[in-house]
Amino acid sequence: MNFVSIRIITADAKRLVAFYERVSGVAATWYTEDFAEVKTAGGTLAIAHERTLKFFAADAARPAANRSVILELRVGDVDAEYRRIAATLEEVVQAPTTMPWGNRSLLFRDPDGNLVNFFTPQTEQARARADARVAQD
């Protein structure tokens, strides 16, 4: 099995795609007016308008209802990324902080309230753990 993407369902795909393009620095590929993907080397963030839910079971998902998933993106320098995107962020949950497991993390919410973690491994053990995940791909 290969993990390939996470999809966010939203009431405003254009707004959410524009946000992720700004914070990631990656241009999205639009497949329809309701569906786009932001592709990185490690995976894909798919963003779909709630209109796409008609293809799934009734009440399968609800926009802006997530309170249990954190999107995690490894970056080269969390502090530099924070300075670059700070003006873009509506809600910073936690400014860059070094975590007990060796990552330096920035937690913020996207416009739909989804929690996003930009992190940079700081210790040798954290780097080895992160590099092992990439090597599995």
Protein backbone atom coordinates (compact mmCIF):
# COMPACT_ATOMS: atom_id res chain seq x y z
CA MET A 1 0.00 0.00 0.00
CA ASN A 2 1.22 3.52 -0.79
CA PHE A 3 -0.07 6.62 0.92
CA VAL A 4 -0.53 9.17 -1.87
CA SER A 5 -2.67 12.08 -0.74
CA ILE A 6 -4.92 13.81 1.72
CA ARG A 7 -8.06 15.53 0.47
CA ILE A 8 -9.64 18.53 2.14
CA ILE A 9 -13.29 19.23 1.41
CA THR A 10 -14.08 22.93 1.51
CA ALA A 11 -16.88 25.38 0.77
CA ASP A 12 -14.37 27.68 -0.98
CA ALA A 13 -11.83 25.74 -3.05
CA LYS A 14 -10.30 28.83 -4.68
CA ARG A 15 -9.57 30.46 -1.33
CA LEU A 16 -8.11 27.30 0.22
CA VAL A 17 -6.00 26.43 -2.83
CA ALA A 18 -4.62 29.99 -2.92
CA PHE A 19 -3.70 29.71 0.78
CA TYR A 20 -1.82 26.45 0.30
CA GLU A 21 -0.06 27.81 -2.78
CA ARG A 22 1.13 30.80 -0.71
CA VAL A 23 2.35 28.81 2.31
CA SER A 24 3.89 25.94 0.33
CA GLY A 25 5.31 27.94 -2.57
CA VAL A 26 3.93 25.24 -4.90
CA ALA A 27 1.47 26.03 -7.69
CA ALA A 28 -1.65 23.88 -7.69
CA THR A 29 -2.86 21.90 -10.66
CA TRP A 30 -6.58 22.42 -11.27
CA TYR A 31 -8.43 19.48 -12.85
CA THR A 32 -11.92 21.00 -12.65
CA GLU A 33 -13.24 24.19 -11.07
CA ASP A 34 -13.98 22.07 -7.99
CA PHE A 35 -10.77 20.01 -7.66
CA ALA A 36 -7.07 20.87 -7.46
CA GLU A 37 -3.89 19.28 -6.17
CA VAL A 38 -0.78 20.74 -4.57
CA LYS A 39 1.93 18.16 -5.29
CA THR A 40 5.16 17.92 -3.31
CA ALA A 41 7.94 15.33 -3.42
CA GLY A 42 6.47 13.60 -0.36
CA GLY A 43 2.79 13.56 -1.22
CA THR A 44 -0.19 15.40 -2.59
CA LEU A 45 -2.68 17.71 -0.93
CA ALA A 46 -5.95 17.46 -2.83
CA ILE A 47 -8.52 20.20 -2.30
CA ALA A 48 -12.10 19.72 -3.41
CA HIS A 49 -15.21 21.86 -3.24
CA GLU A 50 -18.07 20.39 -1.26
CA ARG A 51 -19.96 19.96 -4.56
CA THR A 52 -17.73 16.94 -5.22
CA LEU A 53 -19.39 15.13 -2.32
CA LYS A 54 -22.31 14.22 -4.59
CA PHE A 55 -20.05 11.42 -5.87
CA PHE A 56 -19.73 9.92 -2.37
CA ALA A 57 -22.13 8.58 0.24
CA ALA A 58 -24.47 11.15 1.77
CA ASP A 59 -22.88 13.09 4.64
CA ALA A 60 -19.47 11.47 4.02
CA ALA A 61 -17.61 14.69 4.86
CA ARG A 62 -18.30 18.25 5.98
CA PRO A 63 -16.21 21.32 5.14
CA ALA A 64 -14.36 23.02 7.99
CA ALA A 65 -15.27 20.30 10.51
CA ASN A 66 -11.82 18.76 11.19
CA ARG A 67 -10.51 18.88 14.76
CA SER A 68 -8.45 15.69 14.83
CA VAL A 69 -6.02 15.67 11.88
CA ILE A 70 -2.80 17.67 11.57
CA LEU A 71 -1.28 18.18 8.12
CA GLU A 72 2.48 17.91 8.59
CA LEU A 73 4.96 19.38 6.13
CA ARG A 74 8.72 19.11 6.58
CA VAL A 75 10.50 22.35 5.72
CA GLY A 76 14.17 23.32 5.62
CA ASP A 77 13.96 26.05 8.29
CA VAL A 78 10.80 26.54 10.35
CA ASP A 79 11.84 29.95 11.63
CA ALA A 80 12.53 31.25 8.10
CA GLU A 81 9.20 29.85 6.89
CA TYR A 82 7.41 31.52 9.80
CA ARG A 83 8.90 34.88 8.85
CA ARG A 84 7.95 34.29 5.20
CA ILE A 85 4.29 33.35 5.82
CA ALA A 86 3.42 35.13 9.09
CA ALA A 87 1.39 37.85 7.36
CA THR A 88 -0.60 35.16 5.51
CA LEU A 89 -1.67 33.33 8.66
CA GLU A 90 -4.96 34.19 10.33
CA GLU A 91 -4.36 31.93 13.35
CA VAL A 92 -0.99 30.86 14.70
CA VAL A 93 -1.59 28.11 17.25
CA GLN A 94 2.04 27.89 18.32
CA ALA A 95 5.02 29.93 17.14
CA PRO A 96 8.15 27.91 16.31
CA THR A 97 8.95 25.68 19.27
CA THR A 98 11.38 22.81 19.71
CA MET A 99 9.44 19.70 20.68
CA PRO A 100 10.69 16.97 23.07
CA TRP A 101 11.00 14.50 20.16
CA GLY A 102 13.51 16.72 18.33
CA ASN A 103 11.44 18.64 15.77
CA ARG A 104 11.11 22.41 15.65
CA SER A 105 7.44 23.02 14.84
CA LEU A 106 5.15 25.84 13.77
CA LEU A 107 1.43 25.14 14.21
CA PHE A 108 -1.19 27.23 12.43
CA ARG A 109 -4.69 26.89 11.02
CA ASP A 110 -5.68 27.18 7.39
CA PRO A 111 -8.72 29.32 6.46
CA ASP A 112 -11.06 26.35 7.11
CA GLY A 113 -9.56 25.76 10.57
CA ASN A 114 -7.48 22.68 9.68
CA LEU A 115 -4.32 22.42 11.77
CA VAL A 116 -1.03 22.55 9.85
CA ASN A 117 2.41 21.76 11.25
CA PHE A 118 5.54 22.99 9.48
CA PHE A 119 8.46 21.17 11.08
CA THR A 120 12.22 20.83 10.80
CA PRO A 121 14.05 17.94 12.50
CA GLN A 122 16.65 19.43 14.88
CA THR A 123 18.34 16.40 16.42
CA GLU A 124 20.22 13.58 14.73
CA GLN A 125 17.53 11.12 15.87
CA ALA A 126 14.69 13.30 14.50
CA ARG A 127 16.51 13.70 11.17
CA ALA A 128 17.10 9.94 10.93
CA ARG A 129 13.41 9.27 11.64
CA ALA A 130 12.26 11.78 9.01
CA ASP A 131 14.81 10.58 6.44
CA ALA A 132 13.72 6.96 6.96
CA ARG A 133 10.15 7.93 6.03
CA VAL A 134 11.36 9.54 2.80
CA ALA A 135 13.57 6.54 1.97
CA GLN A 136 10.54 4.23 2.17
CA ASP A 137 8.98 6.04 -0.77
